Amino acid sequence: MNLSEYIYIIKCPIDNAVIYVGKTVAPLARSRQHFQYDPYPCSPISIHINTLLKKGLTPVFEIIETIDLVTTIMDRKATAKNREIYWINFYYRNEESRILNKCYIYKDYDKNTFAKIGTKEKKK
C-alpha cells in the first residue's frame, strides 16, 4: 500500500512554463494518463497536451512535493489537497506560468496550514 501522495507539475517543453499542478498516489500511471493522445479532449490541459504531442513534443512531468503518511489516510488526503491548492496558487501568481487547471484560485489562504480561507476567484 502506498503511504505517500505526490504533488506534481506539468511543464510545456517549448518554454518550460508550468501549465498544470496535480496530485496523485501513482506518479508513473498519472503521467501516462496525461501524456496519451486524447481523441476527444475536453479540458484545457488535454487540448494543450494534444497540441504538443501532434508536434512531436512531450511535456515535462515533475514531482515537486511528497506528502508522507500523516496520522490517518483522511489527514493525508486533506493535507495533499491543501498542498495542491497552495502550489496552484503559487504558480498562478508566477508570471512565467500558464496554469490550465480547471479549479478555483484562492485569493487568501492560511500560509501555516495552507487551508483556504476567504474568497475565491475563477481564473480567466
PDB file of N, CA and C in Angstrom:
ATOM      1  N   MET A   1       0.838  -1.189   0.000  1.00  0.00           N
ATOM      2  CA  MET A   1       0.000   0.000   0.000  1.00  0.00           C
ATOM      3  C   MET A   1       0.881   1.250   0.000  1.00  0.00           C
ATOM      4  N   ASN A   2       0.587   2.161  -0.894  1.00  0.00           N
ATOM      5  CA  ASN A   2       1.350   3.403  -0.986  1.00  0.00           C
ATOM      6  C   ASN A   2       0.923   4.347   0.131  1.00  0.00           C
ATOM      7  N   LEU A   3       1.854   4.788   0.920  1.00  0.00           N
ATOM      8  CA  LEU A   3       1.543   5.678   2.034  1.00  0.00           C
ATOM      9  C   LEU A   3       1.946   7.116   1.748  1.00  0.00           C
ATOM     10  N   SER A   4       2.133   7.428   0.481  1.00  0.00           N
ATOM     11  CA  SER A   4       2.517   8.785   0.091  1.00  0.00           C
ATOM     12  C   SER A   4       1.596   9.284  -1.009  1.00  0.00           C
ATOM     13  N   GLU A   5       1.440  10.587  -1.046  1.00  0.00           N
ATOM     14  CA  GLU A   5       0.808  11.250  -2.185  1.00  0.00           C
ATOM     15  C   GLU A   5       1.830  12.239  -2.708  1.00  0.00           C
ATOM     16  N   TYR A   6       1.710  12.542  -3.986  1.00  0.00           N
ATOM     17  CA  TYR A   6       2.694  13.386  -4.650  1.00  0.00           C
ATOM     18  C   TYR A   6       2.002  14.569  -5.315  1.00  0.00           C
ATOM     19  N   ILE A   7       2.614  15.738  -5.158  1.00  0.00           N
ATOM     20  CA  ILE A   7       2.177  16.921  -5.883  1.00  0.00           C
ATOM     21  C   ILE A   7       3.126  17.031  -7.078  1.00  0.00           C
ATOM     22  N   TYR A   8       2.545  17.213  -8.263  1.00  0.00           N
ATOM     23  CA  TYR A   8       3.371  17.274  -9.469  1.00  0.00           C
ATOM     24  C   TYR A   8       2.979  18.476 -10.311  1.00  0.00           C
ATOM     25  N   ILE A   9       3.904  18.833 -11.182  1.00  0.00           N
ATOM     26  CA  ILE A   9       3.635  19.876 -12.165  1.00  0.00           C
ATOM     27  C   ILE A   9       3.879  19.296 -13.553  1.00  0.00           C
ATOM     28  N   ILE A  10       3.216  19.896 -14.529  1.00  0.00           N
ATOM     29  CA  ILE A  10       3.489  19.598 -15.932  1.00  0.00           C
ATOM     30  C   ILE A  10       3.970  20.896 -16.554  1.00  0.00           C
ATOM     31  N   LYS A  11       5.113  20.802 -17.252  1.00  0.00           N
ATOM     32  CA  LYS A  11       5.697  21.980 -17.885  1.00  0.00           C
ATOM     33  C   LYS A  11       5.661  21.826 -19.403  1.00  0.00           C
ATOM     34  N   CYS A  12       5.451  22.944 -20.064  1.00  0.00           N
ATOM     35  CA  CYS A  12       5.481  22.984 -21.518  1.00  0.00           C
ATOM     36  C   CYS A  12       6.938  22.842 -21.970  1.00  0.00           C
ATOM     37  N   PRO A  13       7.231  21.919 -22.893  1.00  0.00           N
ATOM     38  CA  PRO A  13       8.612  21.735 -23.325  1.00  0.00           C
ATOM     39  C   PRO A  13       9.137  22.873 -24.202  1.00  0.00           C
ATOM     40  N   ILE A  14       8.255  23.727 -24.684  1.00  0.00           N
ATOM     41  CA  ILE A  14       8.685  24.832 -25.541  1.00  0.00           C
ATOM     42  C   ILE A  14       9.338  25.947 -24.738  1.00  0.00           C
ATOM     43  N   ASP A  15       8.687  26.354 -23.650  1.00  0.00           N
ATOM     44  CA  ASP A  15       9.207  27.483 -22.870  1.00  0.00           C
ATOM     45  C   ASP A  15       9.403  27.169 -21.387  1.00  0.00           C
ATOM     46  N   ASN A  16       9.193  25.901 -21.003  1.00  0.00           N
ATOM     47  CA  ASN A  16       9.381  25.448 -19.619  1.00  0.00           C
ATOM     48  C   ASN A  16       8.390  26.076 -18.640  1.00  0.00           C
ATOM     49  N   ALA A  17       7.295  26.649 -19.137  1.00  0.00           N
ATOM     50  CA  ALA A  17       6.281  27.247 -18.265  1.00  0.00           C
ATOM     51  C   ALA A  17       5.442  26.151 -17.613  1.00  0.00           C
ATOM     52  N   VAL A  18       5.121  26.337 -16.348  1.00  0.00           N
ATOM     53  CA  VAL A  18       4.249  25.398 -15.653  1.00  0.00           C
ATOM     54  C   VAL A  18       2.830  25.594 -16.189  1.00  0.00           C
ATOM     55  N   ILE A  19       2.219  24.492 -16.634  1.00  0.00           N
ATOM     56  CA  ILE A  19       0.873  24.584 -17.206  1.00  0.00           C
ATOM     57  C   ILE A  19      -0.164  23.815 -16.397  1.00  0.00           C
ATOM     58  N   TYR A  20       0.280  23.004 -15.434  1.00  0.00           N
ATOM     59  CA  TYR A  20      -0.679  22.223 -14.652  1.00  0.00           C
ATOM     60  C   TYR A  20      -0.057  21.804 -13.337  1.00  0.00           C
ATOM     61  N   VAL A  21      -0.880  21.767 -12.278  1.00  0.00           N
ATOM     62  CA  VAL A  21      -0.489  21.244 -10.967  1.00  0.00           C
ATOM     63  C   VAL A  21      -1.507  20.179 -10.597  1.00  0.00           C
ATOM     64  N   GLY A  22      -1.026  19.036 -10.107  1.00  0.00           N
ATOM     65  CA  GLY A  22      -1.938  17.966  -9.707  1.00  0.00           C
ATOM     66  C   GLY A  22      -1.388  17.177  -8.542  1.00  0.00           C
ATOM     67  N   LYS A  23      -2.187  16.215  -8.076  1.00  0.00           N
ATOM     68  CA  LYS A  23      -1.744  15.315  -7.011  1.00  0.00           C
ATOM     69  C   LYS A  23      -2.118  13.900  -7.380  1.00  0.00           C
ATOM     70  N   THR A  24      -1.336  12.952  -6.918  1.00  0.00           N
ATOM     71  CA  THR A  24      -1.559  11.547  -7.251  1.00  0.00           C
ATOM     72  C   THR A  24      -0.886  10.649  -6.226  1.00  0.00           C
ATOM     73  N   VAL A  25      -1.334   9.390  -6.174  1.00  0.00           N
ATOM     74  CA  VAL A  25      -0.635   8.387  -5.379  1.00  0.00           C
ATOM     75  C   VAL A  25       0.233   7.509  -6.283  1.00  0.00           C
ATOM     76  N   ALA A  26       0.049   7.642  -7.589  1.00  0.00           N
ATOM     77  CA  ALA A  26       0.777   6.813  -8.559  1.00  0.00           C
ATOM     78  C   ALA A  26       1.341   7.695  -9.674  1.00  0.00           C
ATOM     79  N   PRO A  27       2.502   8.311  -9.460  1.00  0.00           N
ATOM     80  CA  PRO A  27       3.049   9.262 -10.433  1.00  0.00           C
ATOM     81  C   PRO A  27       3.263   8.701 -11.840  1.00  0.00           C
ATOM     82  N   LEU A  28       3.788   7.507 -11.955  1.00  0.00           N
ATOM     83  CA  LEU A  28       4.064   6.947 -13.278  1.00  0.00           C
ATOM     84  C   LEU A  28       2.761   6.730 -14.054  1.00  0.00           C
ATOM     85  N   ALA A  29       1.778   6.140 -13.409  1.00  0.00           N
ATOM     86  CA  ALA A  29       0.484   5.911 -14.068  1.00  0.00           C
ATOM     87  C   ALA A  29      -0.181   7.240 -14.427  1.00  0.00           C
ATOM     88  N   ARG A  30      -0.084   8.216 -13.539  1.00  0.00           N
ATOM     89  CA  ARG A  30      -0.729   9.508 -13.799  1.00  0.00           C
ATOM     90  C   ARG A  30      -0.058  10.224 -14.973  1.00  0.00           C
ATOM     91  N   SER A  31       1.259  10.163 -15.045  1.00  0.00           N
ATOM     92  CA  SER A  31       1.939  10.810 -16.177  1.00  0.00           C
ATOM     93  C   SER A  31       1.544  10.146 -17.488  1.00  0.00           C
ATOM     94  N   ARG A  32       1.409   8.821 -17.479  1.00  0.00           N
ATOM     95  CA  ARG A  32       0.971   8.116 -18.692  1.00  0.00           C
ATOM     96  C   ARG A  32      -0.430   8.554 -19.106  1.00  0.00           C
ATOM     97  N   GLN A  33      -1.318   8.715 -18.108  1.00  0.00           N
ATOM     98  CA  GLN A  33      -2.680   9.170 -18.418  1.00  0.00           C
ATOM     99  C   GLN A  33      -2.649  10.551 -19.069  1.00  0.00           C
ATOM    100  N   HIS A  34      -1.868  11.446 -18.515  1.00  0.00           N
ATOM    101  CA  HIS A  34      -1.788  12.803 -19.059  1.00  0.00           C
ATOM    102  C   HIS A  34      -1.219  12.818 -20.476  1.00  0.00           C
ATOM    103  N   PHE A  35      -0.217  11.988 -20.739  1.00  0.00           N
ATOM    104  CA  PHE A  35       0.530  12.095 -21.982  1.00  0.00           C
ATOM    105  C   PHE A  35       0.051  11.168 -23.091  1.00  0.00           C
ATOM    106  N   GLN A  36      -1.089  10.514 -22.919  1.00  0.00           N
ATOM    107  CA  GLN A  36      -1.686   9.744 -24.002  1.00  0.00           C
ATOM    108  C   GLN A  36      -2.523  10.697 -24.845  1.00  0.00           C
ATOM    109  N   TYR A  37      -2.479  10.513 -26.144  1.00  0.00           N
ATOM    110  CA  TYR A  37      -3.277  11.348 -27.038  1.00  0.00           C
ATOM    111  C   TYR A  37      -4.757  11.115 -26.745  1.00  0.00           C
ATOM    112  N   ASP A  38      -5.503  12.185 -26.548  1.00  0.00           N
ATOM    113  CA  ASP A  38      -6.933  12.118 -26.255  1.00  0.00           C
ATOM    114  C   ASP A  38      -7.698  12.544 -27.511  1.00  0.00           C
ATOM    115  N   PRO A  39      -8.403  11.601 -28.168  1.00  0.00           N
ATOM    116  CA  PRO A  39      -9.102  11.965 -29.404  1.00  0.00           C
ATOM    117  C   PRO A  39     -10.278  12.918 -29.182  1.00  0.00           C
ATOM    118  N   TYR A  40     -10.761  13.011 -27.961  1.00  0.00           N
ATOM    119  CA  TYR A  40     -11.879  13.902 -27.633  1.00  0.00           C
ATOM    120  C   TYR A  40     -11.527  14.770 -26.423  1.00  0.00           C
ATOM    121  N   PRO A  41     -10.545  15.624 -26.564  1.00  0.00           N
ATOM    122  CA  PRO A  41     -10.137  16.423 -25.400  1.00  0.00           C
ATOM    123  C   PRO A  41     -11.235  17.414 -25.009  1.00  0.00           C
ATOM    124  N   CYS A  42     -11.462  17.519 -23.717  1.00  0.00           N
ATOM    125  CA  CYS A  42     -12.487  18.461 -23.267  1.00  0.00           C
ATOM    126  C   CYS A  42     -11.948  19.434 -22.217  1.00  0.00           C
ATOM    127  N   SER A  43     -10.747  19.229 -21.756  1.00  0.00           N
ATOM    128  CA  SER A  43     -10.179  20.146 -20.772  1.00  0.00           C
ATOM    129  C   SER A  43      -9.039  20.938 -21.409  1.00  0.00           C
ATOM    130  N   PRO A  44      -8.772  22.130 -20.889  1.00  0.00           N
ATOM    131  CA  PRO A  44      -7.669  22.930 -21.445  1.00  0.00           C
ATOM    132  C   PRO A  44      -6.331  22.198 -21.429  1.00  0.00           C
ATOM    133  N   ILE A  45      -6.063  21.435 -20.369  1.00  0.00           N
ATOM    134  CA  ILE A  45      -4.772  20.739 -20.291  1.00  0.00           C
ATOM    135  C   ILE A  45      -4.704  19.631 -21.350  1.00  0.00           C
ATOM    136  N   SER A  46      -5.812  18.904 -21.581  1.00  0.00           N
ATOM    137  CA  SER A  46      -5.821  17.850 -22.610  1.00  0.00           C
ATOM    138  C   SER A  46      -5.622  18.438 -23.998  1.00  0.00           C
ATOM    139  N   ILE A  47      -6.271  19.547 -24.267  1.00  0.00           N
ATOM    140  CA  ILE A  47      -6.123  20.206 -25.565  1.00  0.00           C
ATOM    141  C   ILE A  47      -4.676  20.649 -25.777  1.00  0.00           C
ATOM    142  N   HIS A  48      -4.072  21.246 -24.735  1.00  0.00           N
ATOM    143  CA  HIS A  48      -2.688  21.720 -24.845  1.00  0.00           C
ATOM    144  C   HIS A  48      -1.728  20.545 -25.052  1.00  0.00           C
ATOM    145  N   ILE A  49      -1.905  19.480 -24.279  1.00  0.00           N
ATOM    146  CA  ILE A  49      -1.023  18.314 -24.411  1.00  0.00           C
ATOM    147  C   ILE A  49      -1.192  17.681 -25.792  1.00  0.00           C
ATOM    148  N   ASN A  50      -2.424  17.569 -26.283  1.00  0.00           N
ATOM    149  CA  ASN A  50      -2.643  17.033 -27.636  1.00  0.00           C
ATOM    150  C   ASN A  50      -1.891  17.858 -28.680  1.00  0.00           C
ATOM    151  N   THR A  51      -1.948  19.172 -28.558  1.00  0.00           N
ATOM    152  CA  THR A  51      -1.257  20.057 -29.499  1.00  0.00           C
ATOM    153  C   THR A  51       0.248  19.787 -29.479  1.00  0.00           C
ATOM    154  N   LEU A  52       0.797  19.632 -28.274  1.00  0.00           N
ATOM    155  CA  LEU A  52       2.234  19.341 -28.155  1.00  0.00           C
ATOM    156  C   LEU A  52       2.570  17.981 -28.762  1.00  0.00           C
ATOM    157  N   LEU A  53       1.754  16.967 -28.453  1.00  0.00           N
ATOM    158  CA  LEU A  53       2.017  15.623 -28.967  1.00  0.00           C
ATOM    159  C   LEU A  53       1.961  15.589 -30.494  1.00  0.00           C
ATOM    160  N   LYS A  54       1.031  16.333 -31.095  1.00  0.00           N
ATOM    161  CA  LYS A  54       0.946  16.396 -32.562  1.00  0.00           C
ATOM    162  C   LYS A  54       2.217  16.985 -33.167  1.00  0.00           C
ATOM    163  N   LYS A  55       2.905  17.854 -32.410  1.00  0.00           N
ATOM    164  CA  LYS A  55       4.153  18.463 -32.871  1.00  0.00           C
ATOM    165  C   LYS A  55       5.371  17.595 -32.532  1.00  0.00           C
ATOM    166  N   GLY A  56       5.125  16.438 -31.920  1.00  0.00           N
ATOM    167  CA  GLY A  56       6.219  15.555 -31.535  1.00  0.00           C
ATOM    168  C   GLY A  56       6.912  15.966 -30.257  1.00  0.00           C
ATOM    169  N   LEU A  57       6.256  16.789 -29.455  1.00  0.00           N
ATOM    170  CA  LEU A  57       6.834  17.280 -28.201  1.00  0.00           C
ATOM    171  C   LEU A  57       6.155  16.607 -27.012  1.00  0.00           C
ATOM    172  N   THR A  58       6.925  16.311 -25.989  1.00  0.00           N
ATOM    173  CA  THR A  58       6.377  15.707 -24.775  1.00  0.00           C
ATOM    174  C   THR A  58       6.537  16.676 -23.614  1.00  0.00           C
ATOM    175  N   PRO A  59       5.445  16.976 -22.903  1.00  0.00           N
ATOM    176  CA  PRO A  59       5.554  17.840 -21.724  1.00  0.00           C
ATOM    177  C   PRO A  59       6.428  17.199 -20.652  1.00  0.00           C
ATOM    178  N   VAL A  60       6.866  18.008 -19.712  1.00  0.00           N
ATOM    179  CA  VAL A  60       7.712  17.546 -18.615  1.00  0.00           C
ATOM    180  C   VAL A  60       6.842  17.321 -17.387  1.00  0.00           C
ATOM    181  N   PHE A  61       6.917  16.126 -16.804  1.00  0.00           N
ATOM    182  CA  PHE A  61       6.184  15.750 -15.596  1.00  0.00           C
ATOM    183  C   PHE A  61       7.189  15.747 -14.461  1.00  0.00           C
ATOM    184  N   GLU A  62       6.959  16.542 -13.427  1.00  0.00           N
ATOM    185  CA  GLU A  62       7.944  16.688 -12.346  1.00  0.00           C
ATOM    186  C   GLU A  62       7.248  16.667 -10.987  1.00  0.00           C
ATOM    187  N   ILE A  63       7.713  15.787 -10.105  1.00  0.00           N
ATOM    188  CA  ILE A  63       7.191  15.763  -8.734  1.00  0.00           C
ATOM    189  C   ILE A  63       7.855  16.898  -7.967  1.00  0.00           C
ATOM    190  N   ILE A  64       7.033  17.729  -7.317  1.00  0.00           N
ATOM    191  CA  ILE A  64       7.594  18.859  -6.574  1.00  0.00           C
ATOM    192  C   ILE A  64       7.456  18.700  -5.064  1.00  0.00           C
ATOM    193  N   GLU A  65       6.622  17.748  -4.627  1.00  0.00           N
ATOM    194  CA  GLU A  65       6.473  17.548  -3.194  1.00  0.00           C
ATOM    195  C   GLU A  65       5.914  16.155  -2.931  1.00  0.00           C
ATOM    196  N   THR A  66       6.382  15.530  -1.856  1.00  0.00           N
ATOM    197  CA  THR A  66       5.877  14.240  -1.415  1.00  0.00           C
ATOM    198  C   THR A  66       5.229  14.423  -0.056  1.00  0.00           C
ATOM    199  N   ILE A  67       3.993  13.945   0.075  1.00  0.00           N
ATOM    200  CA  ILE A  67       3.282  14.006   1.348  1.00  0.00           C
ATOM    201  C   ILE A  67       3.253  12.591   1.902  1.00  0.00           C
ATOM    202  N   ASP A  68       4.015  12.358   2.967  1.00  0.00           N
ATOM    203  CA  ASP A  68       4.072  11.037   3.577  1.00  0.00           C
ATOM    204  C   ASP A  68       2.886  10.851   4.513  1.00  0.00           C
ATOM    205  N   LEU A  69       2.731   9.617   4.956  1.00  0.00           N
ATOM    206  CA  LEU A  69       1.625   9.279   5.827  1.00  0.00           C
ATOM    207  C   LEU A  69       1.544  10.243   7.001  1.00  0.00           C
ATOM    208  N   VAL A  70       0.377  10.849   7.148  1.00  0.00           N
ATOM    209  CA  VAL A  70       0.111  11.670   8.331  1.00  0.00           C
ATOM    210  C   VAL A  70      -0.598  10.716   9.284  1.00  0.00           C
ATOM    211  N   THR A  71      -1.313  11.186  10.272  1.00  0.00           N
ATOM    212  CA  THR A  71      -1.928  10.313  11.262  1.00  0.00           C
ATOM    213  C   THR A  71      -2.870   9.292  10.650  1.00  0.00           C
ATOM    214  N   THR A  72      -3.759   9.732   9.787  1.00  0.00           N
ATOM    215  CA  THR A  72      -4.697   8.814   9.131  1.00  0.00           C
ATOM    216  C   THR A  72      -4.707   9.108   7.639  1.00  0.00           C
ATOM    217  N   ILE A  73      -5.295   8.216   6.892  1.00  0.00           N
ATOM    218  CA  ILE A  73      -5.394   8.441   5.445  1.00  0.00           C
ATOM    219  C   ILE A  73      -6.197   9.695   5.163  1.00  0.00           C
ATOM    220  N   MET A  74      -7.253   9.955   5.932  1.00  0.00           N
ATOM    221  CA  MET A  74      -8.053  11.159   5.720  1.00  0.00           C
ATOM    222  C   MET A  74      -7.211  12.414   5.955  1.00  0.00           C
ATOM    223  N   ASP A  75      -6.368  12.394   6.993  1.00  0.00           N
ATOM    224  CA  ASP A  75      -5.482  13.541   7.235  1.00  0.00           C
ATOM    225  C   ASP A  75      -4.543  13.743   6.063  1.00  0.00           C
ATOM    226  N   ARG A  76      -3.996  12.646   5.539  1.00  0.00           N
ATOM    227  CA  ARG A  76      -3.061  12.744   4.419  1.00  0.00           C
ATOM    228  C   ARG A  76      -3.751  13.315   3.188  1.00  0.00           C
ATOM    229  N   LYS A  77      -4.961  12.845   2.905  1.00  0.00           N
ATOM    230  CA  LYS A  77      -5.692  13.332   1.730  1.00  0.00           C
ATOM    231  C   LYS A  77      -6.025  14.814   1.882  1.00  0.00           C
ATOM    232  N   ALA A  78      -6.432  15.222   3.076  1.00  0.00           N
ATOM    233  CA  ALA A  78      -6.726  16.645   3.309  1.00  0.00           C
ATOM    234  C   ALA A  78      -5.456  17.470   3.161  1.00  0.00           C
ATOM    235  N   THR A  79      -4.353  16.969   3.696  1.00  0.00           N
ATOM    236  CA  THR A  79      -3.082  17.681   3.585  1.00  0.00           C
ATOM    237  C   THR A  79      -2.649  17.771   2.121  1.00  0.00           C
ATOM    238  N   ALA A  80      -2.776  16.682   1.385  1.00  0.00           N
ATOM    239  CA  ALA A  80      -2.391  16.684  -0.032  1.00  0.00           C
ATOM    240  C   ALA A  80      -3.242  17.676  -0.819  1.00  0.00           C
ATOM    241  N   LYS A  81      -4.536  17.727  -0.552  1.00  0.00           N
ATOM    242  CA  LYS A  81      -5.403  18.669  -1.260  1.00  0.00           C
ATOM    243  C   LYS A  81      -5.012  20.102  -0.928  1.00  0.00           C
ATOM    244  N   ASN A  82      -4.725  20.382   0.329  1.00  0.00           N
ATOM    245  CA  ASN A  82      -4.301  21.732   0.720  1.00  0.00           C
ATOM    246  C   ASN A  82      -2.971  22.107   0.079  1.00  0.00           C
ATOM    247  N   ARG A  83      -2.063  21.161  -0.014  1.00  0.00           N
ATOM    248  CA  ARG A  83      -0.777  21.445  -0.652  1.00  0.00           C
ATOM    249  C   ARG A  83      -0.949  21.658  -2.156  1.00  0.00           C
ATOM    250  N   GLU A  84      -1.846  20.897  -2.770  1.00  0.00           N
ATOM    251  CA  GLU A  84      -2.127  21.102  -4.190  1.00  0.00           C
ATOM    252  C   GLU A  84      -2.674  22.518  -4.408  1.00  0.00           C
ATOM    253  N   ILE A  85      -3.592  22.946  -3.551  1.00  0.00           N
ATOM    254  CA  ILE A  85      -4.143  24.306  -3.646  1.00  0.00           C
ATOM    255  C   ILE A  85      -3.032  25.340  -3.465  1.00  0.00           C
ATOM    256  N   TYR A  86      -2.155  25.103  -2.506  1.00  0.00           N
ATOM    257  CA  TYR A  86      -1.033  26.018  -2.278  1.00  0.00           C
ATOM    258  C   TYR A  86      -0.199  26.167  -3.555  1.00  0.00           C
ATOM    259  N   TRP A  87       0.176  25.031  -4.176  1.00  0.00           N
ATOM    260  CA  TRP A  87       1.036  25.084  -5.369  1.00  0.00           C
ATOM    261  C   TRP A  87       0.311  25.679  -6.570  1.00  0.00           C
ATOM    262  N   ILE A  88      -0.981  25.426  -6.719  1.00  0.00           N
ATOM    263  CA  ILE A  88      -1.746  26.058  -7.800  1.00  0.00           C
ATOM    264  C   ILE A  88      -1.683  27.569  -7.637  1.00  0.00           C
ATOM    265  N   ASN A  89      -1.909  28.027  -6.409  1.00  0.00           N
ATOM    266  CA  ASN A  89      -1.842  29.464  -6.149  1.00  0.00           C
ATOM    267  C   ASN A  89      -0.440  30.014  -6.383  1.00  0.00           C
ATOM    268  N   PHE A  90       0.564  29.273  -5.965  1.00  0.00           N
ATOM    269  CA  PHE A  90       1.947  29.702  -6.140  1.00  0.00           C
ATOM    270  C   PHE A  90       2.252  29.915  -7.630  1.00  0.00           C
ATOM    271  N   TYR A  91       1.919  28.913  -8.443  1.00  0.00           N
ATOM    272  CA  TYR A  91       2.217  29.023  -9.872  1.00  0.00           C
ATOM    273  C   TYR A  91       1.269  29.967 -10.598  1.00  0.00           C
ATOM    274  N   TYR A  92       0.044  30.085 -10.123  1.00  0.00           N
ATOM    275  CA  TYR A  92      -0.908  31.030 -10.718  1.00  0.00           C
ATOM    276  C   TYR A  92      -0.365  32.451 -10.640  1.00  0.00           C
ATOM    277  N   ARG A  93       0.318  32.768  -9.552  1.00  0.00           N
ATOM    278  CA  ARG A  93       0.849  34.116  -9.354  1.00  0.00           C
ATOM    279  C   ARG A  93       2.209  34.328 -10.017  1.00  0.00           C
ATOM    280  N   ASN A  94       2.807  33.286 -10.541  1.00  0.00           N
ATOM    281  CA  ASN A  94       4.108  33.361 -11.190  1.00  0.00           C
ATOM    282  C   ASN A  94       3.905  33.787 -12.646  1.00  0.00           C
ATOM    283  N   GLU A  95       4.542  34.861 -13.036  1.00  0.00           N
ATOM    284  CA  GLU A  95       4.370  35.395 -14.390  1.00  0.00           C
ATOM    285  C   GLU A  95       4.828  34.434 -15.480  1.00  0.00           C
ATOM    286  N   GLU A  96       5.715  33.510 -15.159  1.00  0.00           N
ATOM    287  CA  GLU A  96       6.227  32.589 -16.168  1.00  0.00           C
ATOM    288  C   GLU A  96       5.377  31.330 -16.305  1.00  0.00           C
ATOM    289  N   SER A  97       4.295  31.229 -15.523  1.00  0.00           N
ATOM    290  CA  SER A  97       3.421  30.065 -15.565  1.00  0.00           C
ATOM    291  C   SER A  97       2.153  30.377 -16.342  1.00  0.00           C
ATOM    292  N   ARG A  98       1.572  29.329 -16.902  1.00  0.00           N
ATOM    293  CA  ARG A  98       0.282  29.450 -17.588  1.00  0.00           C
ATOM    294  C   ARG A  98      -0.612  28.309 -17.108  1.00  0.00           C
ATOM    295  N   ILE A  99      -1.022  28.373 -15.859  1.00  0.00           N
ATOM    296  CA  ILE A  99      -1.785  27.306 -15.234  1.00  0.00           C
ATOM    297  C   ILE A  99      -3.097  27.068 -15.984  1.00  0.00           C
ATOM    298  N   LEU A 100      -3.356  25.814 -16.341  1.00  0.00           N
ATOM    299  CA  LEU A 100      -4.567  25.445 -17.054  1.00  0.00           C
ATOM    300  C   LEU A 100      -5.518  24.619 -16.193  1.00  0.00           C
ATOM    301  N   ASN A 101      -5.277  24.560 -14.897  1.00  0.00           N
ATOM    302  CA  ASN A 101      -6.158  23.812 -14.012  1.00  0.00           C
ATOM    303  C   ASN A 101      -7.577  24.362 -14.085  1.00  0.00           C
ATOM    304  N   LYS A 102      -8.553  23.449 -14.123  1.00  0.00           N
ATOM    305  CA  LYS A 102      -9.950  23.849 -14.071  1.00  0.00           C
ATOM    306  C   LYS A 102     -10.385  23.849 -12.608  1.00  0.00           C
ATOM    307  N   CYS A 103     -10.027  24.872 -11.894  1.00  0.00           N
ATOM    308  CA  CYS A 103     -10.384  24.930 -10.484  1.00  0.00           C
ATOM    309  C   CYS A 103     -10.368  26.383 -10.040  1.00  0.00           C
ATOM    310  N   TYR A 104     -10.738  26.578  -8.822  1.00  0.00           N
ATOM    311  CA  TYR A 104     -10.729  27.920  -8.273  1.00  0.00           C
ATOM    312  C   TYR A 104      -9.358  28.248  -7.690  1.00  0.00           C
ATOM    313  N   ILE A 105      -8.986  29.490  -7.867  1.00  0.00           N
ATOM    314  CA  ILE A 105      -7.746  30.000  -7.298  1.00  0.00           C
ATOM    315  C   ILE A 105      -8.141  30.793  -6.052  1.00  0.00           C
ATOM    316  N   TYR A 106      -7.564  30.477  -4.932  1.00  0.00           N
ATOM    317  CA  TYR A 106      -7.919  31.146  -3.692  1.00  0.00           C
ATOM    318  C   TYR A 106      -7.089  32.401  -3.515  1.00  0.00           C
ATOM    319  N   LYS A 107      -7.787  33.510  -3.294  1.00  0.00           N
ATOM    320  CA  LYS A 107      -7.094  34.784  -3.096  1.00  0.00           C
ATOM    321  C   LYS A 107      -6.363  34.792  -1.756  1.00  0.00           C
ATOM    322  N   ASP A 108      -6.978  34.201  -0.757  1.00  0.00           N
ATOM    323  CA  ASP A 108      -6.403  34.192   0.580  1.00  0.00           C
ATOM    324  C   ASP A 108      -6.389  32.766   1.098  1.00  0.00           C
ATOM    325  N   TYR A 109      -5.321  32.387   1.714  1.00  0.00           N
ATOM    326  CA  TYR A 109      -5.257  31.096   2.371  1.00  0.00           C
ATOM    327  C   TYR A 109      -4.299  31.216   3.542  1.00  0.00           C
ATOM    328  N   ASP A 110      -4.495  30.379   4.522  1.00  0.00           N
ATOM    329  CA  ASP A 110      -3.661  30.385   5.716  1.00  0.00           C
ATOM    330  C   ASP A 110      -2.311  29.792   5.338  1.00  0.00           C
ATOM    331  N   LYS A 111      -1.278  30.607   5.359  1.00  0.00           N
ATOM    332  CA  LYS A 111       0.041  30.146   4.912  1.00  0.00           C
ATOM    333  C   LYS A 111       0.646  29.103   5.857  1.00  0.00           C
ATOM    334  N   ASN A 112       0.110  28.969   7.075  1.00  0.00           N
ATOM    335  CA  ASN A 112       0.619  27.966   8.004  1.00  0.00           C
ATOM    336  C   ASN A 112       0.004  26.597   7.747  1.00  0.00           C
ATOM    337  N   THR A 113      -1.282  26.552   7.495  1.00  0.00           N
ATOM    338  CA  THR A 113      -1.934  25.260   7.271  1.00  0.00           C
ATOM    339  C   THR A 113      -2.228  25.032   5.801  1.00  0.00           C
ATOM    340  N   PHE A 114      -2.116  26.083   4.989  1.00  0.00           N
ATOM    341  CA  PHE A 114      -2.393  26.036   3.562  1.00  0.00           C
ATOM    342  C   PHE A 114      -3.850  25.715   3.266  1.00  0.00           C
ATOM    343  N   ALA A 115      -4.710  25.945   4.247  1.00  0.00           N
ATOM    344  CA  ALA A 115      -6.141  25.736   4.040  1.00  0.00           C
ATOM    345  C   ALA A 115      -6.748  27.009   3.473  1.00  0.00           C
ATOM    346  N   LYS A 116      -7.794  26.854   2.704  1.00  0.00           N
ATOM    347  CA  LYS A 116      -8.445  28.003   2.099  1.00  0.00           C
ATOM    348  C   LYS A 116      -9.181  28.788   3.170  1.00  0.00           C
ATOM    349  N   ILE A 117      -9.070  30.101   3.083  1.00  0.00           N
ATOM    350  CA  ILE A 117      -9.876  30.982   3.916  1.00  0.00           C
ATOM    351  C   ILE A 117     -10.347  32.115   3.046  1.00  0.00           C
ATOM    352  N   GLY A 118     -11.529  32.582   3.230  1.00  0.00           N
ATOM    353  CA  GLY A 118     -11.972  33.753   2.499  1.00  0.00           C
ATOM    354  C   GLY A 118     -12.521  33.446   1.117  1.00  0.00           C
ATOM    355  N   THR A 119     -12.346  34.398   0.225  1.00  0.00           N
ATOM    356  CA  THR A 119     -12.996  34.346  -1.078  1.00  0.00           C
ATOM    357  C   THR A 119     -12.168  33.577  -2.103  1.00  0.00           C
ATOM    358  N   LYS A 120     -12.833  33.241  -3.174  1.00  0.00           N
ATOM    359  CA  LYS A 120     -12.124  32.558  -4.252  1.00  0.00           C
ATOM    360  C   LYS A 120     -12.532  33.193  -5.568  1.00  0.00           C
ATOM    361  N   GLU A 121     -11.681  33.089  -6.555  1.00  0.00           N
ATOM    362  CA  GLU A 121     -11.953  33.624  -7.875  1.00  0.00           C
ATOM    363  C   GLU A 121     -11.669  32.562  -8.903  1.00  0.00           C
ATOM    364  N   LYS A 122     -12.396  32.548  -9.965  1.00  0.00           N
ATOM    365  CA  LYS A 122     -12.124  31.605 -11.044  1.00  0.00           C
ATOM    366  C   LYS A 122     -11.106  32.254 -11.976  1.00  0.00           C
ATOM    367  N   LYS A 123     -10.056  31.520 -12.301  1.00  0.00           N
ATOM    368  CA  LYS A 123      -9.037  32.055 -13.208  1.00  0.00           C
ATOM    369  C   LYS A 123      -9.655  32.250 -14.582  1.00  0.00           C
ATOM    370  N   LYS A 124      -9.348  33.391 -15.181  1.00  0.00           N
ATOM    371  CA  LYS A 124      -9.894  33.699 -16.503  1.00  0.00           C
ATOM    372  C   LYS A 124      -8.970  33.243 -17.583  1.00  0.00           C
TER     373      LYS A 124
END
